[in-house]
Amino acid sequence: MLEKYHAEIQVEGKTIHLNYHGYLTNDQVWDEDIAEFIAKEVGIDLNICYWEAIYFIRDDFNQYEVPPSRKVMPREIGHYLKSIKCT
């Protein structure tokens, strides 16, 4: 099981470093294999709606270069997912 404060994980032969919150220390190393690995470790099966939410958040981050706020993110993702019938 992925522990909250892991320093690193091994995914597809790559060492991925995490901070003390369990987040990637380098967002440029992110790929679908890493997402699948982390989801599996916490008991989540990533279906198409999860992937849509993940890509929405990543696109937002890439556009604004900051993580979406916890206040705005649920509303914006909710509207988007509802528009593509993922609710």
Protein backbone atom coordinates (compact mmCIF):
# COMPACT_ATOMS: atom_id res chain seq x y z
CA MET A 1 0.00 0.00 0.00
CA LEU A 2 1.27 3.49 -0.84
CA GLU A 3 2.16 5.22 2.40
CA LYS A 4 1.34 8.91 2.77
CA TYR A 5 4.97 9.95 3.33
CA HIS A 6 6.88 7.73 0.91
CA ALA A 7 10.06 9.31 -0.37
CA GLU A 8 9.95 7.41 -3.66
CA ILE A 9 8.08 4.73 -5.59
CA GLN A 10 9.13 2.42 -8.42
CA VAL A 11 6.88 2.47 -11.49
CA GLU A 12 7.72 0.64 -14.72
CA GLY A 13 11.42 0.65 -13.82
CA LYS A 14 11.45 4.38 -13.00
CA THR A 15 12.11 5.87 -9.57
CA ILE A 16 9.50 8.51 -8.82
CA HIS A 17 10.19 10.93 -5.96
CA LEU A 18 7.38 12.13 -3.73
CA ASN A 19 7.27 14.94 -1.20
CA TYR A 20 6.14 14.51 2.40
CA HIS A 21 2.50 14.96 1.28
CA GLY A 22 2.88 12.11 -1.21
CA TYR A 23 2.83 14.38 -4.27
CA LEU A 24 5.24 14.14 -7.18
CA THR A 25 8.25 16.39 -6.68
CA ASN A 26 8.57 16.80 -10.45
CA ASP A 27 5.30 17.05 -12.38
CA GLN A 28 7.18 16.49 -15.65
CA VAL A 29 7.67 12.80 -14.82
CA TRP A 30 3.92 12.18 -14.56
CA ASP A 31 2.44 9.67 -16.98
CA GLU A 32 -0.55 7.33 -17.09
CA ASP A 33 1.48 4.44 -15.63
CA ILE A 34 2.21 6.50 -12.53
CA ALA A 35 -1.45 7.50 -12.22
CA GLU A 36 -2.53 3.86 -12.56
CA PHE A 37 0.03 2.72 -9.99
CA ILE A 38 -0.99 5.29 -7.38
CA ALA A 39 -4.70 4.69 -7.99
CA LYS A 40 -4.25 0.95 -7.61
CA GLU A 41 -2.30 1.44 -4.38
CA VAL A 42 -5.19 3.39 -2.86
CA GLY A 43 -7.88 1.07 -4.25
CA ILE A 44 -9.20 3.13 -7.16
CA ASP A 45 -9.96 1.67 -10.59
CA LEU A 46 -9.47 4.51 -13.05
CA ASN A 47 -12.40 4.55 -15.46
CA ILE A 48 -13.00 7.04 -18.29
CA CYS A 49 -14.58 9.59 -15.94
CA TYR A 50 -11.54 9.54 -13.63
CA TRP A 51 -9.27 10.02 -16.63
CA GLU A 52 -11.36 12.97 -17.83
CA ALA A 53 -11.03 14.60 -14.39
CA ILE A 54 -7.28 13.90 -14.30
CA TYR A 55 -6.74 15.43 -17.74
CA PHE A 56 -8.93 18.41 -16.84
CA ILE A 57 -6.79 19.13 -13.76
CA ARG A 58 -3.53 18.62 -15.66
CA ASP A 59 -4.65 20.92 -18.49
CA ASP A 60 -5.66 23.57 -15.96
CA PHE A 61 -2.30 23.27 -14.21
CA ASN A 62 -0.39 23.47 -17.50
CA GLN A 63 -2.37 26.55 -18.53
CA TYR A 64 -2.10 28.52 -15.27
CA GLU A 65 1.06 26.92 -13.77
CA VAL A 66 -0.56 26.58 -10.34
CA PRO A 67 -2.78 23.83 -8.99
CA PRO A 68 -6.49 24.62 -9.21
CA SER A 69 -7.89 25.94 -5.94
CA ARG A 70 -9.79 23.51 -3.73
CA LYS A 71 -12.77 25.86 -3.88
CA VAL A 72 -12.92 26.26 -7.65
CA MET A 73 -11.76 22.80 -8.74
CA PRO A 74 -14.81 20.76 -7.65
CA ARG A 75 -17.20 23.22 -9.27
CA GLU A 76 -15.29 23.45 -12.55
CA ILE A 77 -14.64 19.72 -12.81
CA GLY A 78 -18.25 19.03 -11.85
CA HIS A 79 -19.56 21.23 -14.67
CA TYR A 80 -17.14 19.67 -17.14
CA LEU A 81 -17.90 16.07 -16.16
CA LYS A 82 -21.62 16.75 -16.24
CA SER A 83 -21.27 18.21 -19.74
CA ILE A 84 -19.69 14.96 -20.97
CA LYS A 85 -22.11 12.72 -19.05
CA CYS A 86 -19.63 11.53 -16.40
CA THR A 87 -21.69 12.08 -13.29
